[in-house]
Amino acid sequence: MDIPEHILKKILDVLKEEGNIEKVIIFGSRVKGTSKASSDIDIALVGENINLRQILMIGSKIEDLDLPYKVDLISYKDIKDKNLKEEIDKFGVEIELKN
């Protein structure tokens, strides 16, 4: 995975503050090894009652971290694009947030 450890930790720390996110799935070019310096970090959120308002609030908190990468968040259960869901299932890296 092409994400520096300290950056991933900062993102996960923000996500762990949310009580309803069970795990995250990192996908896209940063997982497939095709990323460029300007590539974003794609993250699917898995958990109960994740809605657009919450995703926007989390996105704002992550933006406040002033990371060198853009972070795109999506609720896994709300993905309608079958091909995207298949790509996430096949290549995504899961990280548990709850014990």
PDB file of N, CA and C in Angstrom:
ATOM      1  N   MET A   1       0.854  -1.170   0.000  1.00  0.00           N
ATOM      2  CA  MET A   1       0.000   0.000   0.000  1.00  0.00           C
ATOM      3  C   MET A   1       0.902   1.237   0.000  1.00  0.00           C
ATOM      4  N   ASP A   2       0.599   2.135  -0.902  1.00  0.00           N
ATOM      5  CA  ASP A   2       1.441   3.314  -1.098  1.00  0.00           C
ATOM      6  C   ASP A   2       0.912   4.521  -0.308  1.00  0.00           C
ATOM      7  N   ILE A   3       0.862   4.354   1.026  1.00  0.00           N
ATOM      8  CA  ILE A   3       0.468   5.449   1.917  1.00  0.00           C
ATOM      9  C   ILE A   3       1.447   5.445   3.081  1.00  0.00           C
ATOM     10  N   PRO A   4       2.158   6.539   3.305  1.00  0.00           N
ATOM     11  CA  PRO A   4       3.084   6.568   4.437  1.00  0.00           C
ATOM     12  C   PRO A   4       2.362   6.249   5.753  1.00  0.00           C
ATOM     13  N   GLU A   5       3.019   5.481   6.594  1.00  0.00           N
ATOM     14  CA  GLU A   5       2.432   5.008   7.853  1.00  0.00           C
ATOM     15  C   GLU A   5       1.903   6.152   8.723  1.00  0.00           C
ATOM     16  N   HIS A   6       2.669   7.245   8.836  1.00  0.00           N
ATOM     17  CA  HIS A   6       2.238   8.345   9.705  1.00  0.00           C
ATOM     18  C   HIS A   6       0.985   9.047   9.172  1.00  0.00           C
ATOM     19  N   ILE A   7       0.819   9.066   7.864  1.00  0.00           N
ATOM     20  CA  ILE A   7      -0.375   9.671   7.273  1.00  0.00           C
ATOM     21  C   ILE A   7      -1.586   8.768   7.483  1.00  0.00           C
ATOM     22  N   LEU A   8      -1.399   7.471   7.264  1.00  0.00           N
ATOM     23  CA  LEU A   8      -2.483   6.524   7.491  1.00  0.00           C
ATOM     24  C   LEU A   8      -2.945   6.577   8.945  1.00  0.00           C
ATOM     25  N   LYS A   9      -2.007   6.668   9.869  1.00  0.00           N
ATOM     26  CA  LYS A   9      -2.348   6.726  11.292  1.00  0.00           C
ATOM     27  C   LYS A   9      -3.196   7.958  11.600  1.00  0.00           C
ATOM     28  N   LYS A  10      -2.837   9.107  11.029  1.00  0.00           N
ATOM     29  CA  LYS A  10      -3.614  10.333  11.263  1.00  0.00           C
ATOM     30  C   LYS A  10      -5.054  10.176  10.772  1.00  0.00           C
ATOM     31  N   ILE A  11      -5.203   9.575   9.599  1.00  0.00           N
ATOM     32  CA  ILE A  11      -6.544   9.362   9.042  1.00  0.00           C
ATOM     33  C   ILE A  11      -7.332   8.394   9.918  1.00  0.00           C
ATOM     34  N   LEU A  12      -6.711   7.282  10.293  1.00  0.00           N
ATOM     35  CA  LEU A  12      -7.395   6.284  11.117  1.00  0.00           C
ATOM     36  C   LEU A  12      -7.767   6.840  12.482  1.00  0.00           C
ATOM     37  N   ASP A  13      -6.933   7.707  13.036  1.00  0.00           N
ATOM     38  CA  ASP A  13      -7.253   8.326  14.330  1.00  0.00           C
ATOM     39  C   ASP A  13      -8.544   9.139  14.242  1.00  0.00           C
ATOM     40  N   VAL A  14      -8.727   9.863  13.146  1.00  0.00           N
ATOM     41  CA  VAL A  14      -9.966  10.623  12.950  1.00  0.00           C
ATOM     42  C   VAL A  14     -11.152   9.666  12.824  1.00  0.00           C
ATOM     43  N   LEU A  15     -10.977   8.599  12.052  1.00  0.00           N
ATOM     44  CA  LEU A  15     -12.072   7.655  11.826  1.00  0.00           C
ATOM     45  C   LEU A  15     -12.443   6.894  13.095  1.00  0.00           C
ATOM     46  N   LYS A  16     -11.463   6.632  13.947  1.00  0.00           N
ATOM     47  CA  LYS A  16     -11.733   5.911  15.197  1.00  0.00           C
ATOM     48  C   LYS A  16     -12.576   6.736  16.159  1.00  0.00           C
ATOM     49  N   GLU A  17     -12.566   8.047  16.006  1.00  0.00           N
ATOM     50  CA  GLU A  17     -13.387   8.920  16.852  1.00  0.00           C
ATOM     51  C   GLU A  17     -14.877   8.701  16.598  1.00  0.00           C
ATOM     52  N   GLU A  18     -15.206   8.185  15.428  1.00  0.00           N
ATOM     53  CA  GLU A  18     -16.602   7.918  15.071  1.00  0.00           C
ATOM     54  C   GLU A  18     -16.995   6.568  15.667  1.00  0.00           C
ATOM     55  N   GLY A  19     -18.054   6.540  16.430  1.00  0.00           N
ATOM     56  CA  GLY A  19     -18.434   5.314  17.121  1.00  0.00           C
ATOM     57  C   GLY A  19     -19.054   4.238  16.253  1.00  0.00           C
ATOM     58  N   ASN A  20     -19.479   4.586  15.049  1.00  0.00           N
ATOM     59  CA  ASN A  20     -20.213   3.620  14.240  1.00  0.00           C
ATOM     60  C   ASN A  20     -19.436   3.056  13.054  1.00  0.00           C
ATOM     61  N   ILE A  21     -18.179   3.394  12.914  1.00  0.00           N
ATOM     62  CA  ILE A  21     -17.381   2.854  11.809  1.00  0.00           C
ATOM     63  C   ILE A  21     -16.627   1.630  12.319  1.00  0.00           C
ATOM     64  N   GLU A  22     -16.962   0.468  11.755  1.00  0.00           N
ATOM     65  CA  GLU A  22     -16.367  -0.792  12.193  1.00  0.00           C
ATOM     66  C   GLU A  22     -15.026  -1.059  11.518  1.00  0.00           C
ATOM     67  N   LYS A  23     -14.967  -0.734  10.232  1.00  0.00           N
ATOM     68  CA  LYS A  23     -13.722  -0.938   9.489  1.00  0.00           C
ATOM     69  C   LYS A  23     -13.707  -0.013   8.291  1.00  0.00           C
ATOM     70  N   VAL A  24     -12.523   0.129   7.732  1.00  0.00           N
ATOM     71  CA  VAL A  24     -12.362   0.891   6.500  1.00  0.00           C
ATOM     72  C   VAL A  24     -11.724  -0.021   5.465  1.00  0.00           C
ATOM     73  N   ILE A  25     -12.006   0.270   4.221  1.00  0.00           N
ATOM     74  CA  ILE A  25     -11.381  -0.460   3.120  1.00  0.00           C
ATOM     75  C   ILE A  25     -10.692   0.576   2.244  1.00  0.00           C
ATOM     76  N   ILE A  26      -9.389   0.463   2.165  1.00  0.00           N
ATOM     77  CA  ILE A  26      -8.617   1.369   1.314  1.00  0.00           C
ATOM     78  C   ILE A  26      -8.517   0.710  -0.055  1.00  0.00           C
ATOM     79  N   PHE A  27      -8.808   1.483  -1.102  1.00  0.00           N
ATOM     80  CA  PHE A  27      -8.827   0.916  -2.450  1.00  0.00           C
ATOM     81  C   PHE A  27      -8.271   1.930  -3.444  1.00  0.00           C
ATOM     82  N   GLY A  28      -8.237   1.543  -4.687  1.00  0.00           N
ATOM     83  CA  GLY A  28      -7.779   2.453  -5.733  1.00  0.00           C
ATOM     84  C   GLY A  28      -6.289   2.331  -6.000  1.00  0.00           C
ATOM     85  N   SER A  29      -5.751   3.351  -6.630  1.00  0.00           N
ATOM     86  CA  SER A  29      -4.365   3.304  -7.109  1.00  0.00           C
ATOM     87  C   SER A  29      -3.345   3.141  -5.989  1.00  0.00           C
ATOM     88  N   ARG A  30      -3.636   3.660  -4.814  1.00  0.00           N
ATOM     89  CA  ARG A  30      -2.676   3.551  -3.705  1.00  0.00           C
ATOM     90  C   ARG A  30      -2.557   2.116  -3.202  1.00  0.00           C
ATOM     91  N   VAL A  31      -3.546   1.297  -3.476  1.00  0.00           N
ATOM     92  CA  VAL A  31      -3.493  -0.116  -3.092  1.00  0.00           C
ATOM     93  C   VAL A  31      -2.964  -0.963  -4.247  1.00  0.00           C
ATOM     94  N   LYS A  32      -3.344  -0.593  -5.465  1.00  0.00           N
ATOM     95  CA  LYS A  32      -2.949  -1.394  -6.630  1.00  0.00           C
ATOM     96  C   LYS A  32      -1.517  -1.133  -7.084  1.00  0.00           C
ATOM     97  N   GLY A  33      -0.870  -0.130  -6.502  1.00  0.00           N
ATOM     98  CA  GLY A  33       0.509   0.158  -6.879  1.00  0.00           C
ATOM     99  C   GLY A  33       0.635   0.988  -8.138  1.00  0.00           C
ATOM    100  N   THR A  34      -0.425   1.671  -8.513  1.00  0.00           N
ATOM    101  CA  THR A  34      -0.397   2.493  -9.725  1.00  0.00           C
ATOM    102  C   THR A  34      -0.526   3.983  -9.411  1.00  0.00           C
ATOM    103  N   SER A  35      -0.295   4.338  -8.156  1.00  0.00           N
ATOM    104  CA  SER A  35      -0.482   5.736  -7.752  1.00  0.00           C
ATOM    105  C   SER A  35       0.641   6.631  -8.258  1.00  0.00           C
ATOM    106  N   LYS A  36       0.289   7.901  -8.391  1.00  0.00           N
ATOM    107  CA  LYS A  36       1.251   8.951  -8.719  1.00  0.00           C
ATOM    108  C   LYS A  36       1.354   9.853  -7.498  1.00  0.00           C
ATOM    109  N   ALA A  37       2.254  10.786  -7.518  1.00  0.00           N
ATOM    110  CA  ALA A  37       2.428  11.692  -6.377  1.00  0.00           C
ATOM    111  C   ALA A  37       1.142  12.447  -6.060  1.00  0.00           C
ATOM    112  N   SER A  38       0.349  12.734  -7.078  1.00  0.00           N
ATOM    113  CA  SER A  38      -0.882  13.508  -6.883  1.00  0.00           C
ATOM    114  C   SER A  38      -2.117  12.641  -6.629  1.00  0.00           C
ATOM    115  N   SER A  39      -1.954  11.322  -6.590  1.00  0.00           N
ATOM    116  CA  SER A  39      -3.103  10.429  -6.408  1.00  0.00           C
ATOM    117  C   SER A  39      -3.742  10.605  -5.040  1.00  0.00           C
ATOM    118  N   ASP A  40      -5.068  10.490  -5.025  1.00  0.00           N
ATOM    119  CA  ASP A  40      -5.789  10.604  -3.760  1.00  0.00           C
ATOM    120  C   ASP A  40      -5.783   9.265  -3.016  1.00  0.00           C
ATOM    121  N   ILE A  41      -6.344   9.283  -1.820  1.00  0.00           N
ATOM    122  CA  ILE A  41      -6.503   8.077  -1.016  1.00  0.00           C
ATOM    123  C   ILE A  41      -7.996   7.784  -0.983  1.00  0.00           C
ATOM    124  N   ASP A  42      -8.384   6.624  -1.506  1.00  0.00           N
ATOM    125  CA  ASP A  42      -9.788   6.236  -1.568  1.00  0.00           C
ATOM    126  C   ASP A  42     -10.112   5.316  -0.403  1.00  0.00           C
ATOM    127  N   ILE A  43     -11.154   5.673   0.358  1.00  0.00           N
ATOM    128  CA  ILE A  43     -11.514   4.900   1.543  1.00  0.00           C
ATOM    129  C   ILE A  43     -13.019   4.659   1.559  1.00  0.00           C
ATOM    130  N   ALA A  44     -13.398   3.373   1.664  1.00  0.00           N
ATOM    131  CA  ALA A  44     -14.799   2.997   1.860  1.00  0.00           C
ATOM    132  C   ALA A  44     -15.005   2.743   3.347  1.00  0.00           C
ATOM    133  N   LEU A  45     -16.055   3.322   3.895  1.00  0.00           N
ATOM    134  CA  LEU A  45     -16.363   3.182   5.314  1.00  0.00           C
ATOM    135  C   LEU A  45     -17.423   2.105   5.501  1.00  0.00           C
ATOM    136  N   VAL A  46     -17.190   1.212   6.470  1.00  0.00           N
ATOM    137  CA  VAL A  46     -18.130   0.131   6.749  1.00  0.00           C
ATOM    138  C   VAL A  46     -18.617   0.281   8.180  1.00  0.00           C
ATOM    139  N   GLY A  47     -19.936   0.302   8.353  1.00  0.00           N
ATOM    140  CA  GLY A  47     -20.499   0.419   9.692  1.00  0.00           C
ATOM    141  C   GLY A  47     -21.980   0.730   9.633  1.00  0.00           C
ATOM    142  N   GLU A  48     -22.569   0.928  10.786  1.00  0.00           N
ATOM    143  CA  GLU A  48     -23.999   1.194  10.899  1.00  0.00           C
ATOM    144  C   GLU A  48     -24.299   2.686  10.769  1.00  0.00           C
ATOM    145  N   ASN A  49     -25.359   2.978  10.028  1.00  0.00           N
ATOM    146  CA  ASN A  49     -25.912   4.333   9.939  1.00  0.00           C
ATOM    147  C   ASN A  49     -24.910   5.395   9.499  1.00  0.00           C
ATOM    148  N   ILE A  50     -24.038   5.048   8.577  1.00  0.00           N
ATOM    149  CA  ILE A  50     -23.125   6.047   8.018  1.00  0.00           C
ATOM    150  C   ILE A  50     -23.900   6.807   6.942  1.00  0.00           C
ATOM    151  N   ASN A  51     -23.982   8.122   7.086  1.00  0.00           N
ATOM    152  CA  ASN A  51     -24.740   8.908   6.116  1.00  0.00           C
ATOM    153  C   ASN A  51     -23.860  10.006   5.522  1.00  0.00           C
ATOM    154  N   LEU A  52     -24.409  10.677   4.533  1.00  0.00           N
ATOM    155  CA  LEU A  52     -23.650  11.706   3.816  1.00  0.00           C
ATOM    156  C   LEU A  52     -23.192  12.821   4.751  1.00  0.00           C
ATOM    157  N   ARG A  53     -24.045  13.219   5.666  1.00  0.00           N
ATOM    158  CA  ARG A  53     -23.673  14.289   6.604  1.00  0.00           C
ATOM    159  C   ARG A  53     -22.435  13.893   7.408  1.00  0.00           C
ATOM    160  N   GLN A  54     -22.424  12.667   7.900  1.00  0.00           N
ATOM    161  CA  GLN A  54     -21.280  12.196   8.678  1.00  0.00           C
ATOM    162  C   GLN A  54     -20.026  12.133   7.807  1.00  0.00           C
ATOM    163  N   ILE A  55     -20.173  11.646   6.584  1.00  0.00           N
ATOM    164  CA  ILE A  55     -19.024  11.560   5.679  1.00  0.00           C
ATOM    165  C   ILE A  55     -18.449  12.954   5.424  1.00  0.00           C
ATOM    166  N   LEU A  56     -19.315  13.935   5.230  1.00  0.00           N
ATOM    167  CA  LEU A  56     -18.843  15.306   5.007  1.00  0.00           C
ATOM    168  C   LEU A  56     -18.128  15.861   6.237  1.00  0.00           C
ATOM    169  N   MET A  57     -18.651  15.557   7.416  1.00  0.00           N
ATOM    170  CA  MET A  57     -18.007  16.025   8.649  1.00  0.00           C
ATOM    171  C   MET A  57     -16.634  15.370   8.834  1.00  0.00           C
ATOM    172  N   ILE A  58     -16.553  14.074   8.564  1.00  0.00           N
ATOM    173  CA  ILE A  58     -15.270  13.372   8.669  1.00  0.00           C
ATOM    174  C   ILE A  58     -14.296  13.944   7.643  1.00  0.00           C
ATOM    175  N   GLY A  59     -14.783  14.165   6.432  1.00  0.00           N
ATOM    176  CA  GLY A  59     -13.941  14.736   5.386  1.00  0.00           C
ATOM    177  C   GLY A  59     -13.367  16.082   5.788  1.00  0.00           C
ATOM    178  N   SER A  60     -14.175  16.885   6.453  1.00  0.00           N
ATOM    179  CA  SER A  60     -13.718  18.193   6.924  1.00  0.00           C
ATOM    180  C   SER A  60     -12.620  18.043   7.978  1.00  0.00           C
ATOM    181  N   LYS A  61     -12.798  17.103   8.889  1.00  0.00           N
ATOM    182  CA  LYS A  61     -11.772  16.857   9.915  1.00  0.00           C
ATOM    183  C   LYS A  61     -10.465  16.386   9.278  1.00  0.00           C
ATOM    184  N   ILE A  62     -10.576  15.529   8.265  1.00  0.00           N
ATOM    185  CA  ILE A  62      -9.370  15.034   7.591  1.00  0.00           C
ATOM    186  C   ILE A  62      -8.699  16.170   6.820  1.00  0.00           C
ATOM    187  N   GLU A  63      -9.492  17.032   6.189  1.00  0.00           N
ATOM    188  CA  GLU A  63      -8.916  18.197   5.498  1.00  0.00           C
ATOM    189  C   GLU A  63      -8.142  19.083   6.458  1.00  0.00           C
ATOM    190  N   ASP A  64      -8.637  19.211   7.681  1.00  0.00           N
ATOM    191  CA  ASP A  64      -7.964  20.033   8.695  1.00  0.00           C
ATOM    192  C   ASP A  64      -6.592  19.484   9.080  1.00  0.00           C
ATOM    193  N   LEU A  65      -6.335  18.207   8.757  1.00  0.00           N
ATOM    194  CA  LEU A  65      -5.026  17.614   9.051  1.00  0.00           C
ATOM    195  C   LEU A  65      -3.946  18.150   8.116  1.00  0.00           C
ATOM    196  N   ASP A  66      -4.372  18.795   7.025  1.00  0.00           N
ATOM    197  CA  ASP A  66      -3.445  19.370   6.052  1.00  0.00           C
ATOM    198  C   ASP A  66      -2.472  18.322   5.512  1.00  0.00           C
ATOM    199  N   LEU A  67      -3.040  17.206   5.048  1.00  0.00           N
ATOM    200  CA  LEU A  67      -2.230  16.116   4.489  1.00  0.00           C
ATOM    201  C   LEU A  67      -1.799  16.456   3.062  1.00  0.00           C
ATOM    202  N   PRO A  68      -0.744  15.822   2.583  1.00  0.00           N
ATOM    203  CA  PRO A  68      -0.292  16.093   1.214  1.00  0.00           C
ATOM    204  C   PRO A  68      -1.137  15.391   0.145  1.00  0.00           C
ATOM    205  N   TYR A  69      -2.171  14.641   0.574  1.00  0.00           N
ATOM    206  CA  TYR A  69      -3.036  13.921  -0.357  1.00  0.00           C
ATOM    207  C   TYR A  69      -4.488  14.274  -0.086  1.00  0.00           C
ATOM    208  N   LYS A  70      -5.288  14.242  -1.133  1.00  0.00           N
ATOM    209  CA  LYS A  70      -6.734  14.367  -0.984  1.00  0.00           C
ATOM    210  C   LYS A  70      -7.250  13.000  -0.537  1.00  0.00           C
ATOM    211  N   VAL A  71      -8.246  12.985   0.327  1.00  0.00           N
ATOM    212  CA  VAL A  71      -8.837  11.737   0.799  1.00  0.00           C
ATOM    213  C   VAL A  71     -10.298  11.712   0.362  1.00  0.00           C
ATOM    214  N   ASP A  72     -10.673  10.667  -0.384  1.00  0.00           N
ATOM    215  CA  ASP A  72     -12.058  10.495  -0.824  1.00  0.00           C
ATOM    216  C   ASP A  72     -12.712   9.417   0.022  1.00  0.00           C
ATOM    217  N   LEU A  73     -13.851   9.753   0.628  1.00  0.00           N
ATOM    218  CA  LEU A  73     -14.578   8.832   1.497  1.00  0.00           C
ATOM    219  C   LEU A  73     -15.905   8.453   0.858  1.00  0.00           C
ATOM    220  N   ILE A  74     -16.299   7.190   1.064  1.00  0.00           N
ATOM    221  CA  ILE A  74     -17.585   6.710   0.574  1.00  0.00           C
ATOM    222  C   ILE A  74     -18.098   5.664   1.549  1.00  0.00           C
ATOM    223  N   SER A  75     -19.415   5.588   1.696  1.00  0.00           N
ATOM    224  CA  SER A  75     -20.014   4.538   2.512  1.00  0.00           C
ATOM    225  C   SER A  75     -20.111   3.274   1.664  1.00  0.00           C
ATOM    226  N   TYR A  76     -19.517   2.197   2.123  1.00  0.00           N
ATOM    227  CA  TYR A  76     -19.488   0.955   1.347  1.00  0.00           C
ATOM    228  C   TYR A  76     -20.898   0.486   1.003  1.00  0.00           C
ATOM    229  N   LYS A  77     -21.804   0.526   1.964  1.00  0.00           N
ATOM    230  CA  LYS A  77     -23.161   0.007   1.725  1.00  0.00           C
ATOM    231  C   LYS A  77     -23.932   0.844   0.704  1.00  0.00           C
ATOM    232  N   ASP A  78     -23.523   2.068   0.484  1.00  0.00           N
ATOM    233  CA  ASP A  78     -24.229   2.941  -0.453  1.00  0.00           C
ATOM    234  C   ASP A  78     -23.659   2.921  -1.869  1.00  0.00           C
ATOM    235  N   ILE A  79     -22.654   2.100  -2.109  1.00  0.00           N
ATOM    236  CA  ILE A  79     -22.054   2.038  -3.447  1.00  0.00           C
ATOM    237  C   ILE A  79     -23.025   1.337  -4.390  1.00  0.00           C
ATOM    238  N   LYS A  80     -23.427   2.029  -5.430  1.00  0.00           N
ATOM    239  CA  LYS A  80     -24.362   1.476  -6.417  1.00  0.00           C
ATOM    240  C   LYS A  80     -23.635   0.877  -7.624  1.00  0.00           C
ATOM    241  N   ASP A  81     -22.444   1.372  -7.905  1.00  0.00           N
ATOM    242  CA  ASP A  81     -21.674   0.927  -9.064  1.00  0.00           C
ATOM    243  C   ASP A  81     -21.123  -0.476  -8.801  1.00  0.00           C
ATOM    244  N   LYS A  82     -21.672  -1.458  -9.507  1.00  0.00           N
ATOM    245  CA  LYS A  82     -21.285  -2.860  -9.319  1.00  0.00           C
ATOM    246  C   LYS A  82     -19.791  -3.069  -9.574  1.00  0.00           C
ATOM    247  N   ASN A  83     -19.261  -2.429 -10.614  1.00  0.00           N
ATOM    248  CA  ASN A  83     -17.840  -2.590 -10.947  1.00  0.00           C
ATOM    249  C   ASN A  83     -16.938  -2.029  -9.849  1.00  0.00           C
ATOM    250  N   LEU A  84     -17.325  -0.891  -9.290  1.00  0.00           N
ATOM    251  CA  LEU A  84     -16.539  -0.298  -8.207  1.00  0.00           C
ATOM    252  C   LEU A  84     -16.555  -1.217  -6.992  1.00  0.00           C
ATOM    253  N   LYS A  85     -17.723  -1.743  -6.662  1.00  0.00           N
ATOM    254  CA  LYS A  85     -17.837  -2.629  -5.503  1.00  0.00           C
ATOM    255  C   LYS A  85     -16.987  -3.886  -5.709  1.00  0.00           C
ATOM    256  N   GLU A  86     -17.001  -4.427  -6.920  1.00  0.00           N
ATOM    257  CA  GLU A  86     -16.183  -5.607  -7.225  1.00  0.00           C
ATOM    258  C   GLU A  86     -14.694  -5.288  -7.090  1.00  0.00           C
ATOM    259  N   GLU A  87     -14.285  -4.109  -7.551  1.00  0.00           N
ATOM    260  CA  GLU A  87     -12.880  -3.706  -7.433  1.00  0.00           C
ATOM    261  C   GLU A  87     -12.476  -3.582  -5.964  1.00  0.00           C
ATOM    262  N   ILE A  88     -13.331  -2.979  -5.165  1.00  0.00           N
ATOM    263  CA  ILE A  88     -13.044  -2.835  -3.734  1.00  0.00           C
ATOM    264  C   ILE A  88     -12.946  -4.206  -3.076  1.00  0.00           C
ATOM    265  N   ASP A  89     -13.886  -5.091  -3.413  1.00  0.00           N
ATOM    266  CA  ASP A  89     -13.873  -6.437  -2.830  1.00  0.00           C
ATOM    267  C   ASP A  89     -12.623  -7.220  -3.231  1.00  0.00           C
ATOM    268  N   LYS A  90     -12.169  -7.014  -4.442  1.00  0.00           N
ATOM    269  CA  LYS A  90     -11.020  -7.781  -4.954  1.00  0.00           C
ATOM    270  C   LYS A  90      -9.680  -7.218  -4.481  1.00  0.00           C
ATOM    271  N   PHE A  91      -9.519  -5.902  -4.539  1.00  0.00           N
ATOM    272  CA  PHE A  91      -8.211  -5.297  -4.278  1.00  0.00           C
ATOM    273  C   PHE A  91      -8.113  -4.528  -2.962  1.00  0.00           C
ATOM    274  N   GLY A  92      -9.241  -4.231  -2.352  1.00  0.00           N
ATOM    275  CA  GLY A  92      -9.245  -3.384  -1.163  1.00  0.00           C
ATOM    276  C   GLY A  92      -8.504  -3.985   0.021  1.00  0.00           C
ATOM    277  N   VAL A  93      -7.914  -3.113   0.819  1.00  0.00           N
ATOM    278  CA  VAL A  93      -7.212  -3.514   2.045  1.00  0.00           C
ATOM    279  C   VAL A  93      -8.085  -3.099   3.224  1.00  0.00           C
ATOM    280  N   GLU A  94      -8.548  -4.098   3.976  1.00  0.00           N
ATOM    281  CA  GLU A  94      -9.431  -3.836   5.115  1.00  0.00           C
ATOM    282  C   GLU A  94      -8.628  -3.549   6.376  1.00  0.00           C
ATOM    283  N   ILE A  95      -9.094  -2.565   7.122  1.00  0.00           N
ATOM    284  CA  ILE A  95      -8.490  -2.230   8.413  1.00  0.00           C
ATOM    285  C   ILE A  95      -9.623  -2.146   9.430  1.00  0.00           C
ATOM    286  N   GLU A  96      -9.586  -3.026  10.422  1.00  0.00           N
ATOM    287  CA  GLU A  96     -10.608  -3.046  11.471  1.00  0.00           C
ATOM    288  C   GLU A  96     -10.401  -1.852  12.405  1.00  0.00           C
ATOM    289  N   LEU A  97     -11.494  -1.219  12.790  1.00  0.00           N
ATOM    290  CA  LEU A  97     -11.418  -0.108  13.734  1.00  0.00           C
ATOM    291  C   LEU A  97     -11.986  -0.475  15.095  1.00  0.00           C
ATOM    292  N   LYS A  98     -12.801  -1.531  15.144  1.00  0.00           N
ATOM    293  CA  LYS A  98     -13.406  -1.960  16.408  1.00  0.00           C
ATOM    294  C   LYS A  98     -12.901  -3.340  16.776  1.00  0.00           C
ATOM    295  N   ASN A  99     -12.887  -3.610  18.070  1.00  0.00           N
ATOM    296  CA  ASN A  99     -12.483  -4.938  18.550  1.00  0.00           C
ATOM    297  C   ASN A  99     -13.699  -5.810  18.742  1.00  0.00           C
TER     298      ASN A  99
END
